[in-house]
Structures are given as structure tokens and as C-alpha cells.
Amino acid sequence: ALCNLRCDYCYYLEKRHLYRQPQKTMMPGDVLETYIRDY
């Protein structure tokens, strides 16, 4: 949910509260590869 803007009506920005470590909300390599392979 990370974003460089703070649009008032954005429904997704607040999803960062579901993940308490915002600095770690970049998709890691193992998740990316698993997703691409399985999808």
C-alpha cells in the first residue's frame, strides 16, 4: 500500500495498517518468483 501521494479518497492507502512494518512492504524476490511461476 506504499505510495508517494496521499490522495484523500484512496481506498488502499490505509491498508498499510494491516502490515506494521512499512519499510518491509516491498515484495521480496522469493514471493515474486513464487507468484510468477504459480500464476
PDB file of all heavy atoms in Angstrom:
ATOM      1  N   ALA A   1       0.815  -1.216   0.000  1.00  0.00           N
ATOM      2  CA  ALA A   1       0.000   0.000   0.000  1.00  0.00           C
ATOM      3  C   ALA A   1       0.850   1.267   0.000  1.00  0.00           C
ATOM      4  O   ALA A   1       0.313   2.374   0.074  1.00  0.00           O
ATOM      5  CB  ALA A   1      -0.935   0.005   1.210  1.00  0.00           C
ATOM      6  N   LEU A   2       2.168   1.118  -0.080  1.00  0.00           N
ATOM      7  CA  LEU A   2       3.039   2.298  -0.069  1.00  0.00           C
ATOM      8  C   LEU A   2       2.776   3.176  -1.287  1.00  0.00           C
ATOM      9  O   LEU A   2       2.571   2.687  -2.394  1.00  0.00           O
ATOM     10  CB  LEU A   2       4.504   1.885  -0.067  1.00  0.00           C
ATOM     11  CG  LEU A   2       5.060   1.251   1.210  1.00  0.00           C
ATOM     12  CD1 LEU A   2       6.552   0.987   1.046  1.00  0.00           C
ATOM     13  CD2 LEU A   2       4.816   2.150   2.422  1.00  0.00           C
ATOM     14  N   CYS A   3       2.787   4.484  -1.068  1.00  0.00           N
ATOM     15  CA  CYS A   3       2.569   5.434  -2.152  1.00  0.00           C
ATOM     16  C   CYS A   3       3.249   6.746  -1.796  1.00  0.00           C
ATOM     17  O   CYS A   3       3.351   7.108  -0.622  1.00  0.00           O
ATOM     18  CB  CYS A   3       1.071   5.661  -2.378  1.00  0.00           C
ATOM     19  SG  CYS A   3       0.706   6.673  -3.840  1.00  0.00           S
ATOM     20  N   ASN A   4       3.712   7.449  -2.817  1.00  0.00           N
ATOM     21  CA  ASN A   4       4.344   8.752  -2.600  1.00  0.00           C
ATOM     22  C   ASN A   4       3.312   9.881  -2.529  1.00  0.00           C
ATOM     23  O   ASN A   4       3.664  11.018  -2.214  1.00  0.00           O
ATOM     24  CB  ASN A   4       5.356   9.045  -3.704  1.00  0.00           C
ATOM     25  CG  ASN A   4       4.710   9.092  -5.079  1.00  0.00           C
ATOM     26  OD1 ASN A   4       3.920   8.219  -5.428  1.00  0.00           O
ATOM     27  ND2 ASN A   4       5.056  10.093  -5.874  1.00  0.00           N
ATOM     28  N   LEU A   5       2.030   9.570  -2.825  1.00  0.00           N
ATOM     29  CA  LEU A   5       0.961  10.554  -2.708  1.00  0.00           C
ATOM     30  C   LEU A   5       0.064  10.210  -1.522  1.00  0.00           C
ATOM     31  O   LEU A   5       0.124   9.108  -0.978  1.00  0.00           O
ATOM     32  CB  LEU A   5       0.127  10.604  -3.991  1.00  0.00           C
ATOM     33  CG  LEU A   5       0.845  11.035  -5.277  1.00  0.00           C
ATOM     34  CD1 LEU A   5      -0.149  11.164  -6.419  1.00  0.00           C
ATOM     35  CD2 LEU A   5       1.607  12.345  -5.077  1.00  0.00           C
ATOM     36  N   ARG A   6      -0.777  11.164  -1.161  1.00  0.00           N
ATOM     37  CA  ARG A   6      -1.740  10.974  -0.076  1.00  0.00           C
ATOM     38  C   ARG A   6      -3.119  11.452  -0.549  1.00  0.00           C
ATOM     39  O   ARG A   6      -3.699  12.386  -0.012  1.00  0.00           O
ATOM     40  CB  ARG A   6      -1.303  11.751   1.177  1.00  0.00           C
ATOM     41  CG  ARG A   6      -0.078  11.178   1.878  1.00  0.00           C
ATOM     42  CD  ARG A   6      -0.347   9.783   2.415  1.00  0.00           C
ATOM     43  NE  ARG A   6       0.807   9.210   3.099  1.00  0.00           N
ATOM     44  CZ  ARG A   6       1.703   8.434   2.521  1.00  0.00           C
ATOM     45  NH1 ARG A   6       1.600   8.156   1.220  1.00  0.00           N
ATOM     46  NH2 ARG A   6       2.708   7.934   3.210  1.00  0.00           N
ATOM     47  N   CYS A   7      -3.633  10.802  -1.585  1.00  0.00           N
ATOM     48  CA  CYS A   7      -4.928  11.179  -2.149  1.00  0.00           C
ATOM     49  C   CYS A   7      -6.027  10.952  -1.108  1.00  0.00           C
ATOM     50  O   CYS A   7      -6.113   9.872  -0.517  1.00  0.00           O
ATOM     51  CB  CYS A   7      -5.218  10.372  -3.405  1.00  0.00           C
ATOM     52  SG  CYS A   7      -3.934  10.538  -4.674  1.00  0.00           S
ATOM     53  N   ASP A   8      -6.839  11.966  -0.893  1.00  0.00           N
ATOM     54  CA  ASP A   8      -7.839  11.922   0.171  1.00  0.00           C
ATOM     55  C   ASP A   8      -8.781  10.744   0.062  1.00  0.00           C
ATOM     56  O   ASP A   8      -9.196  10.166   1.066  1.00  0.00           O
ATOM     57  CB  ASP A   8      -8.660  13.221   0.175  1.00  0.00           C
ATOM     58  CG  ASP A   8      -7.844  14.421   0.619  1.00  0.00           C
ATOM     59  OD1 ASP A   8      -6.662  14.243   0.951  1.00  0.00           O
ATOM     60  OD2 ASP A   8      -8.400  15.531   0.643  1.00  0.00           O
ATOM     61  N   TYR A   9      -9.157  10.383  -1.163  1.00  0.00           N
ATOM     62  CA  TYR A   9     -10.187   9.362  -1.350  1.00  0.00           C
ATOM     63  C   TYR A   9      -9.633   7.954  -1.583  1.00  0.00           C
ATOM     64  O   TYR A   9     -10.390   7.019  -1.836  1.00  0.00           O
ATOM     65  CB  TYR A   9     -11.105   9.733  -2.521  1.00  0.00           C
ATOM     66  CG  TYR A   9     -10.377   9.969  -3.837  1.00  0.00           C
ATOM     67  CD1 TYR A   9      -9.733   8.932  -4.509  1.00  0.00           C
ATOM     68  CD2 TYR A   9     -10.349  11.235  -4.415  1.00  0.00           C
ATOM     69  CE1 TYR A   9      -9.075   9.141  -5.696  1.00  0.00           C
ATOM     70  CE2 TYR A   9      -9.699  11.464  -5.614  1.00  0.00           C
ATOM     71  CZ  TYR A   9      -9.065  10.414  -6.252  1.00  0.00           C
ATOM     72  OH  TYR A   9      -8.403  10.623  -7.437  1.00  0.00           O
ATOM     73  N   CYS A  10      -8.324   7.795  -1.501  1.00  0.00           N
ATOM     74  CA  CYS A  10      -7.733   6.489  -1.797  1.00  0.00           C
ATOM     75  C   CYS A  10      -8.207   5.424  -0.811  1.00  0.00           C
ATOM     76  O   CYS A  10      -8.050   5.573   0.400  1.00  0.00           O
ATOM     77  CB  CYS A  10      -6.212   6.575  -1.765  1.00  0.00           C
ATOM     78  SG  CYS A  10      -5.406   4.997  -2.167  1.00  0.00           S
ATOM     79  N   TYR A  11      -8.754   4.346  -1.344  1.00  0.00           N
ATOM     80  CA  TYR A  11      -9.246   3.257  -0.502  1.00  0.00           C
ATOM     81  C   TYR A  11      -8.131   2.307  -0.089  1.00  0.00           C
ATOM     82  O   TYR A  11      -8.309   1.495   0.822  1.00  0.00           O
ATOM     83  CB  TYR A  11     -10.344   2.456  -1.233  1.00  0.00           C
ATOM     84  CG  TYR A  11      -9.831   1.690  -2.443  1.00  0.00           C
ATOM     85  CD1 TYR A  11      -9.436   0.362  -2.333  1.00  0.00           C
ATOM     86  CD2 TYR A  11      -9.737   2.295  -3.690  1.00  0.00           C
ATOM     87  CE1 TYR A  11      -8.950  -0.342  -3.427  1.00  0.00           C
ATOM     88  CE2 TYR A  11      -9.270   1.606  -4.797  1.00  0.00           C
ATOM     89  CZ  TYR A  11      -8.877   0.297  -4.663  1.00  0.00           C
ATOM     90  OH  TYR A  11      -8.399  -0.388  -5.752  1.00  0.00           O
ATOM     91  N   TYR A  12      -6.972   2.398  -0.749  1.00  0.00           N
ATOM     92  CA  TYR A  12      -5.935   1.395  -0.483  1.00  0.00           C
ATOM     93  C   TYR A  12      -4.823   1.880   0.430  1.00  0.00           C
ATOM     94  O   TYR A  12      -4.152   1.070   1.072  1.00  0.00           O
ATOM     95  CB  TYR A  12      -5.322   0.890  -1.797  1.00  0.00           C
ATOM     96  CG  TYR A  12      -4.845  -0.541  -1.652  1.00  0.00           C
ATOM     97  CD1 TYR A  12      -5.723  -1.603  -1.827  1.00  0.00           C
ATOM     98  CD2 TYR A  12      -3.543  -0.830  -1.281  1.00  0.00           C
ATOM     99  CE1 TYR A  12      -5.315  -2.912  -1.642  1.00  0.00           C
ATOM    100  CE2 TYR A  12      -3.127  -2.136  -1.090  1.00  0.00           C
ATOM    101  CZ  TYR A  12      -4.012  -3.176  -1.268  1.00  0.00           C
ATOM    102  OH  TYR A  12      -3.607  -4.466  -1.070  1.00  0.00           O
ATOM    103  N   LEU A  13      -4.632   3.168   0.513  1.00  0.00           N
ATOM    104  CA  LEU A  13      -3.514   3.705   1.289  1.00  0.00           C
ATOM    105  C   LEU A  13      -3.521   3.207   2.728  1.00  0.00           C
ATOM    106  O   LEU A  13      -2.469   2.883   3.297  1.00  0.00           O
ATOM    107  CB  LEU A  13      -3.566   5.233   1.261  1.00  0.00           C
ATOM    108  CG  LEU A  13      -2.354   5.972   1.818  1.00  0.00           C
ATOM    109  CD1 LEU A  13      -1.103   5.658   1.001  1.00  0.00           C
ATOM    110  CD2 LEU A  13      -2.619   7.482   1.815  1.00  0.00           C
ATOM    111  N   GLU A  14      -4.691   3.110   3.333  1.00  0.00           N
ATOM    112  CA  GLU A  14      -4.757   2.721   4.739  1.00  0.00           C
ATOM    113  C   GLU A  14      -4.512   1.226   4.974  1.00  0.00           C
ATOM    114  O   GLU A  14      -4.395   0.793   6.121  1.00  0.00           O
ATOM    115  CB  GLU A  14      -6.104   3.109   5.339  1.00  0.00           C
ATOM    116  CG  GLU A  14      -7.291   2.341   4.812  1.00  0.00           C
ATOM    117  CD  GLU A  14      -8.523   2.600   5.679  1.00  0.00           C
ATOM    118  OE1 GLU A  14      -8.630   3.677   6.297  1.00  0.00           O
ATOM    119  OE2 GLU A  14      -9.359   1.710   5.757  1.00  0.00           O
ATOM    120  N   LYS A  15      -4.389   0.454   3.901  1.00  0.00           N
ATOM    121  CA  LYS A  15      -4.093  -0.973   4.077  1.00  0.00           C
ATOM    122  C   LYS A  15      -2.706  -1.177   4.694  1.00  0.00           C
ATOM    123  O   LYS A  15      -2.380  -2.275   5.151  1.00  0.00           O
ATOM    124  CB  LYS A  15      -4.166  -1.715   2.731  1.00  0.00           C
ATOM    125  CG  LYS A  15      -5.478  -1.556   1.984  1.00  0.00           C
ATOM    126  CD  LYS A  15      -6.679  -1.959   2.807  1.00  0.00           C
ATOM    127  CE  LYS A  15      -7.960  -1.767   1.990  1.00  0.00           C
ATOM    128  NZ  LYS A  15      -9.177  -1.982   2.792  1.00  0.00           N
ATOM    129  N   ARG A  16      -1.924  -0.102   4.707  1.00  0.00           N
ATOM    130  CA  ARG A  16      -0.603  -0.216   5.348  1.00  0.00           C
ATOM    131  C   ARG A  16      -0.744  -0.541   6.830  1.00  0.00           C
ATOM    132  O   ARG A  16       0.177  -1.088   7.444  1.00  0.00           O
ATOM    133  CB  ARG A  16       0.193   1.073   5.158  1.00  0.00           C
ATOM    134  CG  ARG A  16      -0.372   2.292   5.884  1.00  0.00           C
ATOM    135  CD  ARG A  16       0.388   3.566   5.481  1.00  0.00           C
ATOM    136  NE  ARG A  16       0.017   4.724   6.278  1.00  0.00           N
ATOM    137  CZ  ARG A  16      -1.046   5.474   6.060  1.00  0.00           C
ATOM    138  NH1 ARG A  16      -1.872   5.173   5.058  1.00  0.00           N
ATOM    139  NH2 ARG A  16      -1.306   6.525   6.821  1.00  0.00           N
ATOM    140  N   HIS A  17      -1.890  -0.224   7.418  1.00  0.00           N
ATOM    141  CA  HIS A  17      -2.111  -0.526   8.834  1.00  0.00           C
ATOM    142  C   HIS A  17      -2.240  -2.030   9.084  1.00  0.00           C
ATOM    143  O   HIS A  17      -2.120  -2.482  10.227  1.00  0.00           O
ATOM    144  CB  HIS A  17      -3.350   0.197   9.342  1.00  0.00           C
ATOM    145  CG  HIS A  17      -3.204   1.693   9.392  1.00  0.00           C
ATOM    146  ND1 HIS A  17      -2.292   2.326  10.197  1.00  0.00           N
ATOM    147  CD2 HIS A  17      -3.850   2.680   8.712  1.00  0.00           C
ATOM    148  CE1 HIS A  17      -2.381   3.644  10.025  1.00  0.00           C
ATOM    149  NE2 HIS A  17      -3.318   3.875   9.133  1.00  0.00           N
ATOM    150  N   LEU A  18      -2.499  -2.790   8.017  1.00  0.00           N
ATOM    151  CA  LEU A  18      -2.580  -4.244   8.161  1.00  0.00           C
ATOM    152  C   LEU A  18      -1.192  -4.864   8.273  1.00  0.00           C
ATOM    153  O   LEU A  18      -1.054  -6.016   8.688  1.00  0.00           O
ATOM    154  CB  LEU A  18      -3.319  -4.854   6.965  1.00  0.00           C
ATOM    155  CG  LEU A  18      -4.786  -4.425   6.765  1.00  0.00           C
ATOM    156  CD1 LEU A  18      -5.335  -5.014   5.468  1.00  0.00           C
ATOM    157  CD2 LEU A  18      -5.629  -4.876   7.954  1.00  0.00           C
ATOM    158  N   TYR A  19      -0.177  -4.094   7.870  1.00  0.00           N
ATOM    159  CA  TYR A  19       1.201  -4.582   7.881  1.00  0.00           C
ATOM    160  C   TYR A  19       2.038  -3.564   8.642  1.00  0.00           C
ATOM    161  O   TYR A  19       2.319  -2.476   8.155  1.00  0.00           O
ATOM    162  CB  TYR A  19       1.703  -4.773   6.443  1.00  0.00           C
ATOM    163  CG  TYR A  19       0.852  -5.771   5.690  1.00  0.00           C
ATOM    164  CD1 TYR A  19      -0.199  -5.335   4.895  1.00  0.00           C
ATOM    165  CD2 TYR A  19       1.061  -7.142   5.821  1.00  0.00           C
ATOM    166  CE1 TYR A  19      -1.014  -6.249   4.229  1.00  0.00           C
ATOM    167  CE2 TYR A  19       0.257  -8.059   5.160  1.00  0.00           C
ATOM    168  CZ  TYR A  19      -0.775  -7.603   4.375  1.00  0.00           C
ATOM    169  OH  TYR A  19      -1.586  -8.510   3.723  1.00  0.00           O
ATOM    170  N   ARG A  20       2.440  -3.913   9.846  1.00  0.00           N
ATOM    171  CA  ARG A  20       3.018  -2.963  10.780  1.00  0.00           C
ATOM    172  C   ARG A  20       4.470  -2.591  10.523  1.00  0.00           C
ATOM    173  O   ARG A  20       5.038  -1.793  11.260  1.00  0.00           O
ATOM    174  CB  ARG A  20       2.878  -3.507  12.206  1.00  0.00           C
ATOM    175  CG  ARG A  20       1.449  -3.431  12.726  1.00  0.00           C
ATOM    176  CD  ARG A  20       0.957  -1.985  12.727  1.00  0.00           C
ATOM    177  NE  ARG A  20      -0.354  -1.852  13.329  1.00  0.00           N
ATOM    178  CZ  ARG A  20      -0.998  -0.703  13.459  1.00  0.00           C
ATOM    179  NH1 ARG A  20      -0.457   0.391  13.002  1.00  0.00           N
ATOM    180  NH2 ARG A  20      -2.186  -0.655  14.032  1.00  0.00           N
ATOM    181  N   GLN A  21       5.089  -3.159   9.498  1.00  0.00           N
ATOM    182  CA  GLN A  21       6.472  -2.814   9.184  1.00  0.00           C
ATOM    183  C   GLN A  21       6.533  -2.258   7.769  1.00  0.00           C
ATOM    184  O   GLN A  21       6.905  -2.956   6.825  1.00  0.00           O
ATOM    185  CB  GLN A  21       7.385  -4.039   9.317  1.00  0.00           C
ATOM    186  CG  GLN A  21       7.479  -4.579  10.744  1.00  0.00           C
ATOM    187  CD  GLN A  21       8.333  -5.821  10.825  1.00  0.00           C
ATOM    188  OE1 GLN A  21       8.006  -6.860  10.250  1.00  0.00           O
ATOM    189  NE2 GLN A  21       9.444  -5.727  11.540  1.00  0.00           N
ATOM    190  N   PRO A  22       6.139  -0.985   7.578  1.00  0.00           N
ATOM    191  CA  PRO A  22       6.037  -0.412   6.237  1.00  0.00           C
ATOM    192  C   PRO A  22       7.329  -0.456   5.442  1.00  0.00           C
ATOM    193  O   PRO A  22       7.311  -0.528   4.220  1.00  0.00           O
ATOM    194  CB  PRO A  22       5.598   1.043   6.507  1.00  0.00           C
ATOM    195  CG  PRO A  22       5.971   1.305   7.930  1.00  0.00           C
ATOM    196  CD  PRO A  22       5.821  -0.005   8.631  1.00  0.00           C
ATOM    197  N   GLN A  23       8.469  -0.441   6.130  1.00  0.00           N
ATOM    198  CA  GLN A  23       9.741  -0.494   5.414  1.00  0.00           C
ATOM    199  C   GLN A  23       9.967  -1.859   4.767  1.00  0.00           C
ATOM    200  O   GLN A  23      10.852  -2.019   3.939  1.00  0.00           O
ATOM    201  CB  GLN A  23      10.909  -0.154   6.350  1.00  0.00           C
ATOM    202  CG  GLN A  23      11.251  -1.227   7.380  1.00  0.00           C
ATOM    203  CD  GLN A  23      10.383  -1.163   8.632  1.00  0.00           C
ATOM    204  OE1 GLN A  23       9.359  -0.485   8.638  1.00  0.00           O
ATOM    205  NE2 GLN A  23      10.798  -1.848   9.676  1.00  0.00           N
ATOM    206  N   LYS A  24       9.160  -2.836   5.158  1.00  0.00           N
ATOM    207  CA  LYS A  24       9.311  -4.173   4.595  1.00  0.00           C
ATOM    208  C   LYS A  24       8.160  -4.542   3.667  1.00  0.00           C
ATOM    209  O   LYS A  24       7.901  -5.715   3.419  1.00  0.00           O
ATOM    210  CB  LYS A  24       9.411  -5.205   5.722  1.00  0.00           C
ATOM    211  CG  LYS A  24      10.660  -5.045   6.585  1.00  0.00           C
ATOM    212  CD  LYS A  24      10.771  -6.152   7.622  1.00  0.00           C
ATOM    213  CE  LYS A  24      12.047  -6.005   8.448  1.00  0.00           C
ATOM    214  NZ  LYS A  24      12.170  -7.071   9.467  1.00  0.00           N
ATOM    215  N   THR A  25       7.444  -3.536   3.136  1.00  0.00           N
ATOM    216  CA  THR A  25       6.314  -3.846   2.271  1.00  0.00           C
ATOM    217  C   THR A  25       6.680  -3.843   0.789  1.00  0.00           C
ATOM    218  O   THR A  25       5.818  -3.667  -0.065  1.00  0.00           O
ATOM    219  CB  THR A  25       5.139  -2.865   2.516  1.00  0.00           C
ATOM    220  OG1 THR A  25       5.591  -1.535   2.297  1.00  0.00           O
ATOM    221  CG2 THR A  25       4.592  -3.020   3.909  1.00  0.00           C
ATOM    222  N   MET A  26       7.933  -4.014   0.493  1.00  0.00           N
ATOM    223  CA  MET A  26       8.370  -4.253  -0.874  1.00  0.00           C
ATOM    224  C   MET A  26       8.403  -5.758  -1.102  1.00  0.00           C
ATOM    225  O   MET A  26       8.931  -6.509  -0.283  1.00  0.00           O
ATOM    226  CB  MET A  26       9.746  -3.650  -1.128  1.00  0.00           C
ATOM    227  CG  MET A  26       9.782  -2.130  -1.070  1.00  0.00           C
ATOM    228  SD  MET A  26       8.843  -1.375  -2.409  1.00  0.00           S
ATOM    229  CE  MET A  26       9.320   0.343  -2.213  1.00  0.00           C
ATOM    230  N   MET A  27       7.838  -6.211  -2.216  1.00  0.00           N
ATOM    231  CA  MET A  27       7.746  -7.640  -2.488  1.00  0.00           C
ATOM    232  C   MET A  27       9.142  -8.258  -2.630  1.00  0.00           C
ATOM    233  O   MET A  27       9.911  -7.869  -3.511  1.00  0.00           O
ATOM    234  CB  MET A  27       6.937  -7.881  -3.760  1.00  0.00           C
ATOM    235  CG  MET A  27       6.711  -9.347  -4.085  1.00  0.00           C
ATOM    236  SD  MET A  27       5.640  -9.588  -5.531  1.00  0.00           S
ATOM    237  CE  MET A  27       4.036  -9.145  -4.865  1.00  0.00           C
ATOM    238  N   PRO A  28       9.480  -9.218  -1.782  1.00  0.00           N
ATOM    239  CA  PRO A  28      10.800  -9.853  -1.872  1.00  0.00           C
ATOM    240  C   PRO A  28      10.878 -10.800  -3.058  1.00  0.00           C
ATOM    241  O   PRO A  28       9.860 -11.223  -3.624  1.00  0.00           O
ATOM    242  CB  PRO A  28      10.919 -10.596  -0.547  1.00  0.00           C
ATOM    243  CG  PRO A  28       9.516 -10.828  -0.095  1.00  0.00           C
ATOM    244  CD  PRO A  28       8.712  -9.676  -0.617  1.00  0.00           C
ATOM    245  N   GLY A  29      12.116 -11.172  -3.398  1.00  0.00           N
ATOM    246  CA  GLY A  29      12.342 -11.990  -4.582  1.00  0.00           C
ATOM    247  C   GLY A  29      11.674 -13.345  -4.558  1.00  0.00           C
ATOM    248  O   GLY A  29      11.177 -13.828  -5.583  1.00  0.00           O
ATOM    249  N   ASP A  30      11.635 -14.007  -3.390  1.00  0.00           N
ATOM    250  CA  ASP A  30      11.048 -15.339  -3.343  1.00  0.00           C
ATOM    251  C   ASP A  30       9.528 -15.290  -3.536  1.00  0.00           C
ATOM    252  O   ASP A  30       8.944 -16.177  -4.184  1.00  0.00           O
ATOM    253  CB  ASP A  30      11.401 -16.046  -2.037  1.00  0.00           C
ATOM    254  CG  ASP A  30      10.968 -15.286  -0.797  1.00  0.00           C
ATOM    255  OD1 ASP A  30      10.711 -14.065  -0.887  1.00  0.00           O
ATOM    256  OD2 ASP A  30      10.886 -15.918   0.285  1.00  0.00           O
ATOM    257  N   VAL A  31       8.885 -14.241  -3.026  1.00  0.00           N
ATOM    258  CA  VAL A  31       7.442 -14.089  -3.235  1.00  0.00           C
ATOM    259  C   VAL A  31       7.161 -13.793  -4.703  1.00  0.00           C
ATOM    260  O   VAL A  31       6.233 -14.364  -5.300  1.00  0.00           O
ATOM    261  CB  VAL A  31       6.865 -12.969  -2.346  1.00  0.00           C
ATOM    262  CG1 VAL A  31       5.390 -12.724  -2.664  1.00  0.00           C
ATOM    263  CG2 VAL A  31       7.032 -13.327  -0.878  1.00  0.00           C
ATOM    264  N   LEU A  32       7.953 -12.918  -5.296  1.00  0.00           N
ATOM    265  CA  LEU A  32       7.782 -12.579  -6.702  1.00  0.00           C
ATOM    266  C   LEU A  32       7.906 -13.813  -7.588  1.00  0.00           C
ATOM    267  O   LEU A  32       7.062 -14.062  -8.463  1.00  0.00           O
ATOM    268  CB  LEU A  32       8.814 -11.528  -7.122  1.00  0.00           C
ATOM    269  CG  LEU A  32       8.785 -11.137  -8.599  1.00  0.00           C
ATOM    270  CD1 LEU A  32       7.485 -10.442  -8.949  1.00  0.00           C
ATOM    271  CD2 LEU A  32       9.985 -10.235  -8.936  1.00  0.00           C
ATOM    272  N   GLU A  33       8.938 -14.612  -7.360  1.00  0.00           N
ATOM    273  CA  GLU A  33       9.139 -15.788  -8.209  1.00  0.00           C
ATOM    274  C   GLU A  33       8.030 -16.815  -8.004  1.00  0.00           C
ATOM    275  O   GLU A  33       7.537 -17.410  -8.971  1.00  0.00           O
ATOM    276  CB  GLU A  33      10.502 -16.422  -7.933  1.00  0.00           C
ATOM    277  CG  GLU A  33      10.771 -17.641  -8.813  1.00  0.00           C
ATOM    278  CD  GLU A  33      12.226 -17.992  -8.925  1.00  0.00           C
ATOM    279  OE1 GLU A  33      13.056 -17.388  -8.197  1.00  0.00           O
ATOM    280  OE2 GLU A  33      12.567 -18.870  -9.745  1.00  0.00           O
ATOM    281  N   THR A  34       7.620 -17.023  -6.763  1.00  0.00           N
ATOM    282  CA  THR A  34       6.530 -17.958  -6.497  1.00  0.00           C
ATOM    283  C   THR A  34       5.255 -17.511  -7.200  1.00  0.00           C
ATOM    284  O   THR A  34       4.546 -18.326  -7.818  1.00  0.00           O
ATOM    285  CB  THR A  34       6.269 -18.072  -4.985  1.00  0.00           C
ATOM    286  OG1 THR A  34       7.444 -18.586  -4.349  1.00  0.00           O
ATOM    287  CG2 THR A  34       5.093 -18.992  -4.690  1.00  0.00           C
ATOM    288  N   TYR A  35       4.963 -16.228  -7.117  1.00  0.00           N
ATOM    289  CA  TYR A  35       3.760 -15.699  -7.769  1.00  0.00           C
ATOM    290  C   TYR A  35       3.819 -15.883  -9.275  1.00  0.00           C
ATOM    291  O   TYR A  35       2.871 -16.400  -9.888  1.00  0.00           O
ATOM    292  CB  TYR A  35       3.592 -14.218  -7.423  1.00  0.00           C
ATOM    293  CG  TYR A  35       2.631 -13.494  -8.333  1.00  0.00           C
ATOM    294  CD1 TYR A  35       1.325 -13.956  -8.510  1.00  0.00           C
ATOM    295  CD2 TYR A  35       3.030 -12.354  -9.034  1.00  0.00           C
ATOM    296  CE1 TYR A  35       0.450 -13.300  -9.355  1.00  0.00           C
ATOM    297  CE2 TYR A  35       2.155 -11.700  -9.879  1.00  0.00           C
ATOM    298  CZ  TYR A  35       0.869 -12.175 -10.039  1.00  0.00           C
ATOM    299  OH  TYR A  35       0.003 -11.526 -10.883  1.00  0.00           O
ATOM    300  N   ILE A  36       4.909 -15.469  -9.900  1.00  0.00           N
ATOM    301  CA  ILE A  36       5.009 -15.564 -11.358  1.00  0.00           C
ATOM    302  C   ILE A  36       4.936 -17.017 -11.811  1.00  0.00           C
ATOM    303  O   ILE A  36       4.217 -17.350 -12.758  1.00  0.00           O
ATOM    304  CB  ILE A  36       6.305 -14.884 -11.845  1.00  0.00           C
ATOM    305  CG1 ILE A  36       6.181 -13.363 -11.676  1.00  0.00           C
ATOM    306  CG2 ILE A  36       6.605 -15.247 -13.293  1.00  0.00           C
ATOM    307  CD1 ILE A  36       7.429 -12.583 -12.032  1.00  0.00           C
ATOM    308  N   ARG A  37       5.644 -17.891 -11.139  1.00  0.00           N
ATOM    309  CA  ARG A  37       5.631 -19.322 -11.501  1.00  0.00           C
ATOM    310  C   ARG A  37       4.223 -19.904 -11.372  1.00  0.00           C
ATOM    311  O   ARG A  37       3.722 -20.549 -12.308  1.00  0.00           O
ATOM    312  CB  ARG A  37       6.597 -20.079 -10.586  1.00  0.00           C
ATOM    313  CG  ARG A  37       6.697 -21.583 -10.869  1.00  0.00           C
ATOM    314  CD  ARG A  37       7.344 -22.288  -9.692  1.00  0.00           C
ATOM    315  NE  ARG A  37       6.499 -22.227  -8.493  1.00  0.00           N
ATOM    316  CZ  ARG A  37       6.974 -22.242  -7.247  1.00  0.00           C
ATOM    317  NH1 ARG A  37       8.281 -22.308  -7.019  1.00  0.00           N
ATOM    318  NH2 ARG A  37       6.133 -22.200  -6.218  1.00  0.00           N
ATOM    319  N   ASP A  38       3.591 -19.669 -10.228  1.00  0.00           N
ATOM    320  CA  ASP A  38       2.287 -20.274  -9.981  1.00  0.00           C
ATOM    321  C   ASP A  38       1.180 -19.648 -10.828  1.00  0.00           C
ATOM    322  O   ASP A  38       0.251 -20.345 -11.260  1.00  0.00           O
ATOM    323  CB  ASP A  38       1.924 -20.154  -8.500  1.00  0.00           C
ATOM    324  CG  ASP A  38       2.760 -21.050  -7.618  1.00  0.00           C
ATOM    325  OD1 ASP A  38       3.664 -21.737  -8.148  1.00  0.00           O
ATOM    326  OD2 ASP A  38       2.535 -21.067  -6.388  1.00  0.00           O
ATOM    327  N   TYR A  39       1.263 -18.344 -11.063  1.00  0.00           N
ATOM    328  CA  TYR A  39       0.227 -17.681 -11.854  1.00  0.00           C
ATOM    329  C   TYR A  39       0.282 -18.138 -13.304  1.00  0.00           C
ATOM    330  O   TYR A  39      -0.746 -18.417 -13.926  1.00  0.00           O
ATOM    331  CB  TYR A  39       0.391 -16.164 -11.761  1.00  0.00           C
ATOM    332  CG  TYR A  39      -0.706 -15.400 -12.456  1.00  0.00           C
ATOM    333  CD1 TYR A  39      -2.047 -15.600 -12.141  1.00  0.00           C
ATOM    334  CD2 TYR A  39      -0.406 -14.452 -13.425  1.00  0.00           C
ATOM    335  CE1 TYR A  39      -3.055 -14.889 -12.775  1.00  0.00           C
ATOM    336  CE2 TYR A  39      -1.400 -13.732 -14.063  1.00  0.00           C
ATOM    337  CZ  TYR A  39      -2.725 -13.957 -13.733  1.00  0.00           C
ATOM    338  OH  TYR A  39      -3.720 -13.252 -14.375  1.00  0.00           O
TER     339      TYR A  39
END
